[in-house]
């Protein structure tokens, strides 16, 4: 790991830029959330009925578990396909789904080898179908545990959020003795994403005050980290020694979280606002469209920093 100091924005400029990211993130997420989360036709995320909310939460857990290291468009298709194929059995009795039935659906979406869903070369020899299976088993084991302890996922989450905070729910799920086998890394982005989605649903959709949007977490994938580096929100950048312009976003997350916390902006919307600069074709790895970018007037434009690809100065 290497690091480099760079000129950063002033505090006033940082606050202005973070406000833009928050506004962009909120506006665009509220328009796109159903697409991003990928709710299937057999679930109603708008319902205020407890049973429907329980179903939604269980689906989201499986959705984020299989999302890790996956191609986003395919994981959405996979999540929807599995849910519509197995309906409530998936949500309440997943152990009744045979491996042959599950693998049939997996191959229909991911291809015979599963390479359409998971990036084979990045898995260190692990077969995609094996990766999918152990994550499904972590979900299956957790559902069995809920049954054994005679509690709903909804009540568990509400209790954690009301008596503690969103980060407490993250820590609980991340270190759960059954679920921990399904996460990637010590501080999994997928678990953070689940917590953020839950807090969003409780606040913006279900109108229940179990937690506040201000308590959401920064996910900080490579594209979000790239925006913070390029814009000058960060005065120091950590990057890969072997590939000198590829940033190490996960190692800079604590710095990014601190900046957002001090600004009193909503982390979830700031994170989404930064990501949308990539998704909407502005802050791309190659040939960024700075002219049309919402933060153009404030950004320092350190274009050399990139999320995943080499970029020559």
C-alpha atoms as a PDB file:
ATOM      1  CA  UNK A   1       0.000   0.000   0.000  1.00  0.00           C
ATOM      2  CA  UNK A   2       1.217   3.496  -0.886  1.00  0.00           C
ATOM      3  CA  UNK A   3      -0.089   6.929  -0.076  1.00  0.00           C
ATOM      4  CA  UNK A   4       0.040  10.364  -1.596  1.00  0.00           C
ATOM      5  CA  UNK A   5      -0.855  13.785  -0.222  1.00  0.00           C
ATOM      6  CA  UNK A   6      -2.823  16.181  -2.412  1.00  0.00           C
ATOM      7  CA  UNK A   7      -4.475  19.561  -2.070  1.00  0.00           C
ATOM      8  CA  UNK A   8      -7.940  19.201  -0.619  1.00  0.00           C
ATOM      9  CA  UNK A   9     -11.048  21.353  -0.755  1.00  0.00           C
ATOM     10  CA  UNK A  10     -11.666  23.964   1.910  1.00  0.00           C
ATOM     11  CA  UNK A  11     -14.155  23.069   4.644  1.00  0.00           C
ATOM     12  CA  UNK A  12     -16.758  25.322   3.041  1.00  0.00           C
ATOM     13  CA  UNK A  13     -16.203  23.670  -0.341  1.00  0.00           C
ATOM     14  CA  UNK A  14     -16.400  20.191   1.219  1.00  0.00           C
ATOM     15  CA  UNK A  15     -19.740  20.983   2.827  1.00  0.00           C
ATOM     16  CA  UNK A  16     -21.116  22.357  -0.450  1.00  0.00           C
ATOM     17  CA  UNK A  17     -19.975  19.312  -2.409  1.00  0.00           C
ATOM     18  CA  UNK A  18     -21.324  16.835   0.165  1.00  0.00           C
ATOM     19  CA  UNK A  19     -24.663  18.628   0.103  1.00  0.00           C
ATOM     20  CA  UNK A  20     -24.798  18.159  -3.684  1.00  0.00           C
ATOM     21  CA  UNK A  21     -23.965  14.459  -3.327  1.00  0.00           C
ATOM     22  CA  UNK A  22     -26.637  14.034  -0.647  1.00  0.00           C
ATOM     23  CA  UNK A  23     -29.296  15.770  -2.741  1.00  0.00           C
ATOM     24  CA  UNK A  24     -28.365  13.822  -5.868  1.00  0.00           C
ATOM     25  CA  UNK A  25     -28.332  10.563  -3.928  1.00  0.00           C
ATOM     26  CA  UNK A  26     -31.725  11.155  -2.336  1.00  0.00           C
ATOM     27  CA  UNK A  27     -33.488  12.268  -5.527  1.00  0.00           C
ATOM     28  CA  UNK A  28     -32.120   9.458  -7.676  1.00  0.00           C
ATOM     29  CA  UNK A  29     -32.411   6.695  -5.068  1.00  0.00           C
ATOM     30  CA  UNK A  30     -36.083   7.527  -4.426  1.00  0.00           C
ATOM     31  CA  UNK A  31     -36.691   7.088  -8.157  1.00  0.00           C
ATOM     32  CA  UNK A  32     -34.602   3.930  -8.593  1.00  0.00           C
ATOM     33  CA  UNK A  33     -34.761   2.021  -5.307  1.00  0.00           C
ATOM     34  CA  UNK A  34     -37.096  -0.747  -6.512  1.00  0.00           C
ATOM     35  CA  UNK A  35     -34.824  -1.361  -9.504  1.00  0.00           C
ATOM     36  CA  UNK A  36     -31.661  -1.391  -7.393  1.00  0.00           C
ATOM     37  CA  UNK A  37     -33.042  -3.645  -4.694  1.00  0.00           C
ATOM     38  CA  UNK A  38     -34.774  -5.798  -7.348  1.00  0.00           C
ATOM     39  CA  UNK A  39     -37.963  -6.804  -5.584  1.00  0.00           C
ATOM     40  CA  UNK A  40     -39.745  -9.685  -7.328  1.00  0.00           C
ATOM     41  CA  UNK A  41     -43.404  -9.613  -8.360  1.00  0.00           C
ATOM     42  CA  UNK A  42     -44.463 -11.918  -5.500  1.00  0.00           C
ATOM     43  CA  UNK A  43     -43.360  -9.415  -2.822  1.00  0.00           C
ATOM     44  CA  UNK A  44     -44.844  -6.034  -1.962  1.00  0.00           C
ATOM     45  CA  UNK A  45     -42.243  -3.751  -0.348  1.00  0.00           C
ATOM     46  CA  UNK A  46     -44.860  -0.980   0.013  1.00  0.00           C
ATOM     47  CA  UNK A  47     -47.070  -3.021   2.334  1.00  0.00           C
ATOM     48  CA  UNK A  48     -47.399  -2.080   6.008  1.00  0.00           C
ATOM     49  CA  UNK A  49     -48.553  -5.613   6.908  1.00  0.00           C
ATOM     50  CA  UNK A  50     -46.108  -7.332   9.261  1.00  0.00           C
ATOM     51  CA  UNK A  51     -46.037 -10.577   7.302  1.00  0.00           C
ATOM     52  CA  UNK A  52     -45.224  -8.767   4.059  1.00  0.00           C
ATOM     53  CA  UNK A  53     -42.476  -6.800   5.772  1.00  0.00           C
ATOM     54  CA  UNK A  54     -41.061 -10.026   7.208  1.00  0.00           C
ATOM     55  CA  UNK A  55     -40.954 -11.486   3.705  1.00  0.00           C
ATOM     56  CA  UNK A  56     -39.236  -8.397   2.332  1.00  0.00           C
ATOM     57  CA  UNK A  57     -36.528  -8.483   5.001  1.00  0.00           C
ATOM     58  CA  UNK A  58     -35.785 -12.176   4.485  1.00  0.00           C
ATOM     59  CA  UNK A  59     -35.568 -11.669   0.744  1.00  0.00           C
ATOM     60  CA  UNK A  60     -33.164  -8.743   1.196  1.00  0.00           C
ATOM     61  CA  UNK A  61     -30.872 -10.866   3.341  1.00  0.00           C
ATOM     62  CA  UNK A  62     -30.541 -13.528   0.662  1.00  0.00           C
ATOM     63  CA  UNK A  63     -30.272 -10.826  -1.997  1.00  0.00           C
ATOM     64  CA  UNK A  64     -27.217  -9.200  -0.391  1.00  0.00           C
ATOM     65  CA  UNK A  65     -25.541 -12.509   0.469  1.00  0.00           C
ATOM     66  CA  UNK A  66     -25.493 -13.705  -3.142  1.00  0.00           C
ATOM     67  CA  UNK A  67     -24.687 -10.179  -4.371  1.00  0.00           C
ATOM     68  CA  UNK A  68     -21.084 -10.282  -3.160  1.00  0.00           C
ATOM     69  CA  UNK A  69     -18.478 -10.469  -5.977  1.00  0.00           C
ATOM     70  CA  UNK A  70     -21.318 -10.791  -8.489  1.00  0.00           C
ATOM     71  CA  UNK A  71     -22.255  -8.933 -11.665  1.00  0.00           C
ATOM     72  CA  UNK A  72     -24.971  -6.572 -10.508  1.00  0.00           C
ATOM     73  CA  UNK A  73     -27.342  -7.081 -13.442  1.00  0.00           C
ATOM     74  CA  UNK A  74     -27.165 -10.865 -13.079  1.00  0.00           C
ATOM     75  CA  UNK A  75     -27.551 -10.929  -9.310  1.00  0.00           C
ATOM     76  CA  UNK A  76     -30.739  -8.902  -9.665  1.00  0.00           C
ATOM     77  CA  UNK A  77     -32.026 -11.405 -12.216  1.00  0.00           C
ATOM     78  CA  UNK A  78     -30.981 -14.325 -10.008  1.00  0.00           C
ATOM     79  CA  UNK A  79     -32.656 -12.913  -6.895  1.00  0.00           C
ATOM     80  CA  UNK A  80     -35.928 -12.274  -8.704  1.00  0.00           C
ATOM     81  CA  UNK A  81     -35.874 -15.662 -10.446  1.00  0.00           C
ATOM     82  CA  UNK A  82     -35.290 -17.611  -7.237  1.00  0.00           C
ATOM     83  CA  UNK A  83     -37.965 -15.706  -5.331  1.00  0.00           C
ATOM     84  CA  UNK A  84     -40.610 -16.069  -8.026  1.00  0.00           C
ATOM     85  CA  UNK A  85     -39.738 -19.735  -8.554  1.00  0.00           C
ATOM     86  CA  UNK A  86     -39.902 -20.838  -4.910  1.00  0.00           C
ATOM     87  CA  UNK A  87     -42.108 -18.060  -3.406  1.00  0.00           C
ATOM     88  CA  UNK A  88     -42.783 -18.420   0.335  1.00  0.00           C
ATOM     89  CA  UNK A  89     -40.871 -21.687   0.604  1.00  0.00           C
ATOM     90  CA  UNK A  90     -37.687 -19.698  -0.064  1.00  0.00           C
ATOM     91  CA  UNK A  91     -38.513 -17.239   2.686  1.00  0.00           C
ATOM     92  CA  UNK A  92     -39.783 -19.551   5.415  1.00  0.00           C
ATOM     93  CA  UNK A  93     -38.625 -23.097   4.578  1.00  0.00           C
ATOM     94  CA  UNK A  94     -35.601 -22.824   2.236  1.00  0.00           C
ATOM     95  CA  UNK A  95     -34.311 -26.182   3.506  1.00  0.00           C
ATOM     96  CA  UNK A  96     -37.169 -27.825   1.590  1.00  0.00           C
ATOM     97  CA  UNK A  97     -35.703 -26.696  -1.733  1.00  0.00           C
ATOM     98  CA  UNK A  98     -33.666 -29.526  -3.228  1.00  0.00           C
ATOM     99  CA  UNK A  99     -30.193 -28.858  -4.565  1.00  0.00           C
ATOM    100  CA  UNK A 100     -31.227 -30.075  -8.003  1.00  0.00           C
ATOM    101  CA  UNK A 101     -34.083 -27.525  -8.100  1.00  0.00           C
ATOM    102  CA  UNK A 102     -31.808 -24.748  -6.863  1.00  0.00           C
ATOM    103  CA  UNK A 103     -28.982 -25.588  -9.249  1.00  0.00           C
ATOM    104  CA  UNK A 104     -31.392 -25.703 -12.177  1.00  0.00           C
ATOM    105  CA  UNK A 105     -32.421 -22.095 -11.548  1.00  0.00           C
ATOM    106  CA  UNK A 106     -28.812 -21.078 -10.905  1.00  0.00           C
ATOM    107  CA  UNK A 107     -27.638 -22.426 -14.270  1.00  0.00           C
ATOM    108  CA  UNK A 108     -30.567 -20.876 -16.129  1.00  0.00           C
ATOM    109  CA  UNK A 109     -29.429 -17.433 -15.006  1.00  0.00           C
ATOM    110  CA  UNK A 110     -25.689 -17.823 -14.424  1.00  0.00           C
ATOM    111  CA  UNK A 111     -24.834 -20.250 -17.215  1.00  0.00           C
ATOM    112  CA  UNK A 112     -23.603 -23.830 -16.985  1.00  0.00           C
ATOM    113  CA  UNK A 113     -20.403 -22.816 -15.162  1.00  0.00           C
ATOM    114  CA  UNK A 114     -21.899 -19.862 -13.307  1.00  0.00           C
ATOM    115  CA  UNK A 115     -19.479 -17.395 -14.860  1.00  0.00           C
ATOM    116  CA  UNK A 116     -22.284 -15.049 -15.927  1.00  0.00           C
ATOM    117  CA  UNK A 117     -22.971 -14.340 -12.244  1.00  0.00           C
ATOM    118  CA  UNK A 118     -19.587 -14.552 -10.525  1.00  0.00           C
ATOM    119  CA  UNK A 119     -16.229 -13.478 -11.924  1.00  0.00           C
ATOM    120  CA  UNK A 120     -14.478 -16.833 -12.098  1.00  0.00           C
ATOM    121  CA  UNK A 121     -10.934 -15.479 -12.337  1.00  0.00           C
ATOM    122  CA  UNK A 122     -11.285 -13.508  -9.109  1.00  0.00           C
ATOM    123  CA  UNK A 123     -12.414 -16.492  -7.020  1.00  0.00           C
ATOM    124  CA  UNK A 124      -9.087 -18.242  -6.571  1.00  0.00           C
ATOM    125  CA  UNK A 125     -10.242 -21.530  -8.074  1.00  0.00           C
ATOM    126  CA  UNK A 126     -13.595 -21.670  -6.271  1.00  0.00           C
ATOM    127  CA  UNK A 127     -16.407 -22.700  -8.590  1.00  0.00           C
ATOM    128  CA  UNK A 128     -19.199 -20.127  -8.852  1.00  0.00           C
ATOM    129  CA  UNK A 129     -21.837 -22.717  -8.005  1.00  0.00           C
ATOM    130  CA  UNK A 130     -19.937 -23.606  -4.814  1.00  0.00           C
ATOM    131  CA  UNK A 131     -19.777 -19.939  -3.869  1.00  0.00           C
ATOM    132  CA  UNK A 132     -23.500 -19.570  -4.447  1.00  0.00           C
ATOM    133  CA  UNK A 133     -24.255 -22.734  -2.462  1.00  0.00           C
ATOM    134  CA  UNK A 134     -22.409 -21.841   0.712  1.00  0.00           C
ATOM    135  CA  UNK A 135     -24.001 -18.400   0.755  1.00  0.00           C
ATOM    136  CA  UNK A 136     -27.433 -19.931   0.274  1.00  0.00           C
ATOM    137  CA  UNK A 137     -26.641 -22.356   3.098  1.00  0.00           C
ATOM    138  CA  UNK A 138     -25.743 -19.459   5.392  1.00  0.00           C
ATOM    139  CA  UNK A 139     -29.140 -17.924   4.639  1.00  0.00           C
ATOM    140  CA  UNK A 140     -30.877 -21.281   5.096  1.00  0.00           C
ATOM    141  CA  UNK A 141     -29.153 -21.828   8.438  1.00  0.00           C
ATOM    142  CA  UNK A 142     -30.172 -18.383   9.648  1.00  0.00           C
ATOM    143  CA  UNK A 143     -33.839 -19.034   8.779  1.00  0.00           C
ATOM    144  CA  UNK A 144     -33.663 -22.317  10.708  1.00  0.00           C
ATOM    145  CA  UNK A 145     -32.171 -20.423  13.644  1.00  0.00           C
ATOM    146  CA  UNK A 146     -35.035 -17.902  13.577  1.00  0.00           C
ATOM    147  CA  UNK A 147     -37.517 -20.774  13.684  1.00  0.00           C
ATOM    148  CA  UNK A 148     -35.671 -22.483  16.513  1.00  0.00           C
ATOM    149  CA  UNK A 149     -35.543 -19.320  18.610  1.00  0.00           C
ATOM    150  CA  UNK A 150     -39.202 -18.548  17.773  1.00  0.00           C
ATOM    151  CA  UNK A 151     -38.638 -14.969  16.669  1.00  0.00           C
ATOM    152  CA  UNK A 152     -39.356 -12.996  13.547  1.00  0.00           C
ATOM    153  CA  UNK A 153     -36.614 -11.251  11.604  1.00  0.00           C
ATOM    154  CA  UNK A 154     -38.727  -8.098  11.726  1.00  0.00           C
ATOM    155  CA  UNK A 155     -38.857  -8.026  15.533  1.00  0.00           C
ATOM    156  CA  UNK A 156     -35.160  -8.844  15.812  1.00  0.00           C
ATOM    157  CA  UNK A 157     -34.282  -5.905  13.572  1.00  0.00           C
ATOM    158  CA  UNK A 158     -36.682  -3.470  15.256  1.00  0.00           C
ATOM    159  CA  UNK A 159     -35.301  -4.365  18.678  1.00  0.00           C
ATOM    160  CA  UNK A 160     -31.716  -3.838  17.530  1.00  0.00           C
ATOM    161  CA  UNK A 161     -32.460  -0.522  15.840  1.00  0.00           C
ATOM    162  CA  UNK A 162     -34.604   0.935  18.642  1.00  0.00           C
ATOM    163  CA  UNK A 163     -32.377  -0.088  21.531  1.00  0.00           C
ATOM    164  CA  UNK A 164     -29.093   0.589  19.791  1.00  0.00           C
ATOM    165  CA  UNK A 165     -28.283   2.032  16.366  1.00  0.00           C
ATOM    166  CA  UNK A 166     -27.836   0.949  12.779  1.00  0.00           C
ATOM    167  CA  UNK A 167     -24.160   0.127  13.318  1.00  0.00           C
ATOM    168  CA  UNK A 168     -25.153  -2.196  16.166  1.00  0.00           C
ATOM    169  CA  UNK A 169     -27.395  -4.115  13.762  1.00  0.00           C
ATOM    170  CA  UNK A 170     -24.489  -4.314  11.320  1.00  0.00           C
ATOM    171  CA  UNK A 171     -22.154  -5.700  13.992  1.00  0.00           C
ATOM    172  CA  UNK A 172     -24.755  -8.211  15.119  1.00  0.00           C
ATOM    173  CA  UNK A 173     -25.403  -9.605  11.637  1.00  0.00           C
ATOM    174  CA  UNK A 174     -21.752  -9.473  10.626  1.00  0.00           C
ATOM    175  CA  UNK A 175     -20.673 -11.517  13.650  1.00  0.00           C
ATOM    176  CA  UNK A 176     -23.683 -13.805  13.833  1.00  0.00           C
ATOM    177  CA  UNK A 177     -22.311 -17.376  14.209  1.00  0.00           C
ATOM    178  CA  UNK A 178     -24.354 -18.637  11.249  1.00  0.00           C
ATOM    179  CA  UNK A 179     -24.367 -15.649   8.916  1.00  0.00           C
ATOM    180  CA  UNK A 180     -20.667 -14.840   9.258  1.00  0.00           C
ATOM    181  CA  UNK A 181     -19.835 -17.753   6.949  1.00  0.00           C
ATOM    182  CA  UNK A 182     -21.748 -16.015   4.170  1.00  0.00           C
ATOM    183  CA  UNK A 183     -20.063 -12.595   4.284  1.00  0.00           C
ATOM    184  CA  UNK A 184     -16.917 -11.524   2.444  1.00  0.00           C
ATOM    185  CA  UNK A 185     -14.267  -9.758   4.548  1.00  0.00           C
ATOM    186  CA  UNK A 186     -14.202  -8.462   8.106  1.00  0.00           C
ATOM    187  CA  UNK A 187     -16.291  -5.399   7.269  1.00  0.00           C
ATOM    188  CA  UNK A 188     -18.529  -6.617   4.435  1.00  0.00           C
ATOM    189  CA  UNK A 189     -20.086  -4.020   2.158  1.00  0.00           C
ATOM    190  CA  UNK A 190     -23.007  -6.379   1.579  1.00  0.00           C
ATOM    191  CA  UNK A 191     -23.928  -6.330   5.257  1.00  0.00           C
ATOM    192  CA  UNK A 192     -23.682  -2.544   5.326  1.00  0.00           C
ATOM    193  CA  UNK A 193     -25.912  -2.418   2.255  1.00  0.00           C
ATOM    194  CA  UNK A 194     -28.511  -4.620   3.952  1.00  0.00           C
ATOM    195  CA  UNK A 195     -28.610  -2.375   7.030  1.00  0.00           C
ATOM    196  CA  UNK A 196     -28.977   0.737   4.874  1.00  0.00           C
ATOM    197  CA  UNK A 197     -31.805  -0.791   2.862  1.00  0.00           C
ATOM    198  CA  UNK A 198     -33.583  -1.764   6.080  1.00  0.00           C
ATOM    199  CA  UNK A 199     -33.264   1.695   7.606  1.00  0.00           C
ATOM    200  CA  UNK A 200     -34.473   3.216   4.326  1.00  0.00           C
ATOM    201  CA  UNK A 201     -37.556   0.978   4.244  1.00  0.00           C
ATOM    202  CA  UNK A 202     -38.434   1.713   7.863  1.00  0.00           C
ATOM    203  CA  UNK A 203     -38.089   5.463   7.402  1.00  0.00           C
ATOM    204  CA  UNK A 204     -39.122   6.301   3.873  1.00  0.00           C
ATOM    205  CA  UNK A 205     -41.508   3.495   2.918  1.00  0.00           C
ATOM    206  CA  UNK A 206     -42.998   1.919   6.044  1.00  0.00           C
ATOM    207  CA  UNK A 207     -42.909   5.157   8.063  1.00  0.00           C
ATOM    208  CA  UNK A 208     -41.739   3.467  11.254  1.00  0.00           C
ATOM    209  CA  UNK A 209     -39.204   5.241  13.416  1.00  0.00           C
ATOM    210  CA  UNK A 210     -37.020   2.265  14.290  1.00  0.00           C
ATOM    211  CA  UNK A 211     -33.913   4.174  13.256  1.00  0.00           C
ATOM    212  CA  UNK A 212     -32.969   7.416  11.520  1.00  0.00           C
ATOM    213  CA  UNK A 213     -31.499   7.956   8.074  1.00  0.00           C
ATOM    214  CA  UNK A 214     -28.693   9.901   9.758  1.00  0.00           C
ATOM    215  CA  UNK A 215     -27.566   6.583  11.288  1.00  0.00           C
ATOM    216  CA  UNK A 216     -27.034   4.839   7.943  1.00  0.00           C
ATOM    217  CA  UNK A 217     -23.581   3.601   6.974  1.00  0.00           C
ATOM    218  CA  UNK A 218     -21.135   4.439   4.216  1.00  0.00           C
ATOM    219  CA  UNK A 219     -20.668   1.475   1.877  1.00  0.00           C
ATOM    220  CA  UNK A 220     -17.794   3.025  -0.132  1.00  0.00           C
ATOM    221  CA  UNK A 221     -17.126   0.827  -3.118  1.00  0.00           C
ATOM    222  CA  UNK A 222     -14.299   1.704  -5.510  1.00  0.00           C
ATOM    223  CA  UNK A 223     -16.373   4.225  -7.462  1.00  0.00           C
ATOM    224  CA  UNK A 224     -17.473   6.117  -4.345  1.00  0.00           C
ATOM    225  CA  UNK A 225     -13.895   6.195  -3.058  1.00  0.00           C
ATOM    226  CA  UNK A 226     -12.779   7.416  -6.474  1.00  0.00           C
ATOM    227  CA  UNK A 227     -15.119  10.443  -6.249  1.00  0.00           C
ATOM    228  CA  UNK A 228     -13.765  11.373  -2.825  1.00  0.00           C
ATOM    229  CA  UNK A 229     -10.191  11.128  -4.134  1.00  0.00           C
ATOM    230  CA  UNK A 230     -10.708  12.912  -7.438  1.00  0.00           C
ATOM    231  CA  UNK A 231     -12.816  15.706  -6.000  1.00  0.00           C
ATOM    232  CA  UNK A 232     -10.357  16.685  -3.263  1.00  0.00           C
ATOM    233  CA  UNK A 233     -12.636  15.674  -0.412  1.00  0.00           C
ATOM    234  CA  UNK A 234      -9.629  13.623   0.701  1.00  0.00           C
ATOM    235  CA  UNK A 235      -6.276  15.276   1.238  1.00  0.00           C
ATOM    236  CA  UNK A 236      -4.472  11.945   1.235  1.00  0.00           C
ATOM    237  CA  UNK A 237      -5.014   8.925  -1.004  1.00  0.00           C
ATOM    238  CA  UNK A 238      -4.152   5.273  -0.394  1.00  0.00           C
ATOM    239  CA  UNK A 239      -3.472   3.300  -3.547  1.00  0.00           C
ATOM    240  CA  UNK A 240      -2.035  -0.008  -4.709  1.00  0.00           C
ATOM    241  CA  UNK A 241       1.751  -0.109  -4.830  1.00  0.00           C
ATOM    242  CA  UNK A 242       1.864  -2.419  -7.853  1.00  0.00           C
ATOM    243  CA  UNK A 243      -0.784  -0.448  -9.780  1.00  0.00           C
ATOM    244  CA  UNK A 244      -0.102   3.165  -8.805  1.00  0.00           C
ATOM    245  CA  UNK A 245      -3.410   4.794  -9.722  1.00  0.00           C
ATOM    246  CA  UNK A 246      -5.891   2.228  -8.387  1.00  0.00           C
ATOM    247  CA  UNK A 247      -7.207   3.427  -5.038  1.00  0.00           C
ATOM    248  CA  UNK A 248      -7.796   1.271  -1.953  1.00  0.00           C
ATOM    249  CA  UNK A 249     -11.300   2.470  -1.127  1.00  0.00           C
ATOM    250  CA  UNK A 250     -11.970   0.089   1.766  1.00  0.00           C
ATOM    251  CA  UNK A 251      -8.895   1.322   3.648  1.00  0.00           C
ATOM    252  CA  UNK A 252      -9.994   4.946   3.234  1.00  0.00           C
ATOM    253  CA  UNK A 253     -13.550   4.297   4.391  1.00  0.00           C
ATOM    254  CA  UNK A 254     -12.892   5.478   7.995  1.00  0.00           C
ATOM    255  CA  UNK A 255     -11.611   8.822   6.643  1.00  0.00           C
ATOM    256  CA  UNK A 256     -14.635   9.148   4.365  1.00  0.00           C
ATOM    257  CA  UNK A 257     -17.033   8.268   7.177  1.00  0.00           C
ATOM    258  CA  UNK A 258     -15.466  10.931   9.373  1.00  0.00           C
ATOM    259  CA  UNK A 259     -15.792  13.613   6.683  1.00  0.00           C
ATOM    260  CA  UNK A 260     -19.469  12.785   6.120  1.00  0.00           C
ATOM    261  CA  UNK A 261     -20.178  12.584   9.855  1.00  0.00           C
ATOM    262  CA  UNK A 262     -18.669  16.015  10.482  1.00  0.00           C
ATOM    263  CA  UNK A 263     -20.798  17.496   7.691  1.00  0.00           C
ATOM    264  CA  UNK A 264     -23.983  16.067   9.299  1.00  0.00           C
ATOM    265  CA  UNK A 265     -25.138  14.819   5.902  1.00  0.00           C
ATOM    266  CA  UNK A 266     -26.983  11.496   5.521  1.00  0.00           C
ATOM    267  CA  UNK A 267     -24.328   8.826   4.790  1.00  0.00           C
ATOM    268  CA  UNK A 268     -26.554   6.575   2.675  1.00  0.00           C
ATOM    269  CA  UNK A 269     -27.559   9.379   0.319  1.00  0.00           C
ATOM    270  CA  UNK A 270     -24.022  10.794   0.083  1.00  0.00           C
ATOM    271  CA  UNK A 271     -22.738   7.319  -0.771  1.00  0.00           C
ATOM    272  CA  UNK A 272     -25.401   6.872  -3.435  1.00  0.00           C
ATOM    273  CA  UNK A 273     -24.853  10.368  -4.794  1.00  0.00           C
ATOM    274  CA  UNK A 274     -21.166   9.612  -5.303  1.00  0.00           C
ATOM    275  CA  UNK A 275     -21.920   6.249  -6.911  1.00  0.00           C
ATOM    276  CA  UNK A 276     -24.451   7.786  -9.299  1.00  0.00           C
ATOM    277  CA  UNK A 277     -21.701  10.033 -10.673  1.00  0.00           C
ATOM    278  CA  UNK A 278     -20.194   6.818 -12.017  1.00  0.00           C
ATOM    279  CA  UNK A 279     -23.431   5.047 -12.931  1.00  0.00           C
ATOM    280  CA  UNK A 280     -24.764   8.055 -14.827  1.00  0.00           C
ATOM    281  CA  UNK A 281     -21.602   8.311 -16.918  1.00  0.00           C
ATOM    282  CA  UNK A 282     -19.864  11.281 -15.289  1.00  0.00           C
ATOM    283  CA  UNK A 283     -17.039  10.030 -13.036  1.00  0.00           C
ATOM    284  CA  UNK A 284     -16.091   6.983 -15.096  1.00  0.00           C
ATOM    285  CA  UNK A 285     -12.715   5.281 -14.808  1.00  0.00           C
ATOM    286  CA  UNK A 286     -11.762   6.315 -18.321  1.00  0.00           C
ATOM    287  CA  UNK A 287     -12.689   9.574 -20.042  1.00  0.00           C
ATOM    288  CA  UNK A 288     -14.860  11.107 -17.292  1.00  0.00           C
ATOM    289  CA  UNK A 289     -17.518  13.579 -18.410  1.00  0.00           C
ATOM    290  CA  UNK A 290     -16.521  16.478 -16.169  1.00  0.00           C
ATOM    291  CA  UNK A 291     -18.354  19.125 -18.171  1.00  0.00           C
ATOM    292  CA  UNK A 292     -21.810  17.781 -17.331  1.00  0.00           C
ATOM    293  CA  UNK A 293     -20.979  16.553 -13.826  1.00  0.00           C
ATOM    294  CA  UNK A 294     -23.067  17.970 -10.929  1.00  0.00           C
ATOM    295  CA  UNK A 295     -19.917  18.646  -8.850  1.00  0.00           C
ATOM    296  CA  UNK A 296     -17.894  20.125 -11.716  1.00  0.00           C
ATOM    297  CA  UNK A 297     -17.518  23.621 -10.205  1.00  0.00           C
ATOM    298  CA  UNK A 298     -16.097  22.316  -6.909  1.00  0.00           C
ATOM    299  CA  UNK A 299     -14.188  19.176  -7.911  1.00  0.00           C
ATOM    300  CA  UNK A 300     -10.358  19.285  -7.973  1.00  0.00           C
ATOM    301  CA  UNK A 301     -10.392  16.840 -10.918  1.00  0.00           C
ATOM    302  CA  UNK A 302      -7.585  14.524  -9.886  1.00  0.00           C
ATOM    303  CA  UNK A 303      -8.532  12.291 -12.795  1.00  0.00           C
ATOM    304  CA  UNK A 304      -5.599   9.918 -12.420  1.00  0.00           C
ATOM    305  CA  UNK A 305      -7.255   8.098  -9.501  1.00  0.00           C
ATOM    306  CA  UNK A 306      -9.378   5.174 -10.621  1.00  0.00           C
ATOM    307  CA  UNK A 307     -11.422   2.417  -9.030  1.00  0.00           C
ATOM    308  CA  UNK A 308     -10.468  -0.707 -10.931  1.00  0.00           C
ATOM    309  CA  UNK A 309      -8.618   0.040 -14.188  1.00  0.00           C
ATOM    310  CA  UNK A 310      -5.250   1.519 -15.023  1.00  0.00           C
ATOM    311  CA  UNK A 311      -5.363   5.189 -15.928  1.00  0.00           C
ATOM    312  CA  UNK A 312      -2.406   7.041 -17.337  1.00  0.00           C
ATOM    313  CA  UNK A 313      -1.834  10.677 -16.376  1.00  0.00           C
END
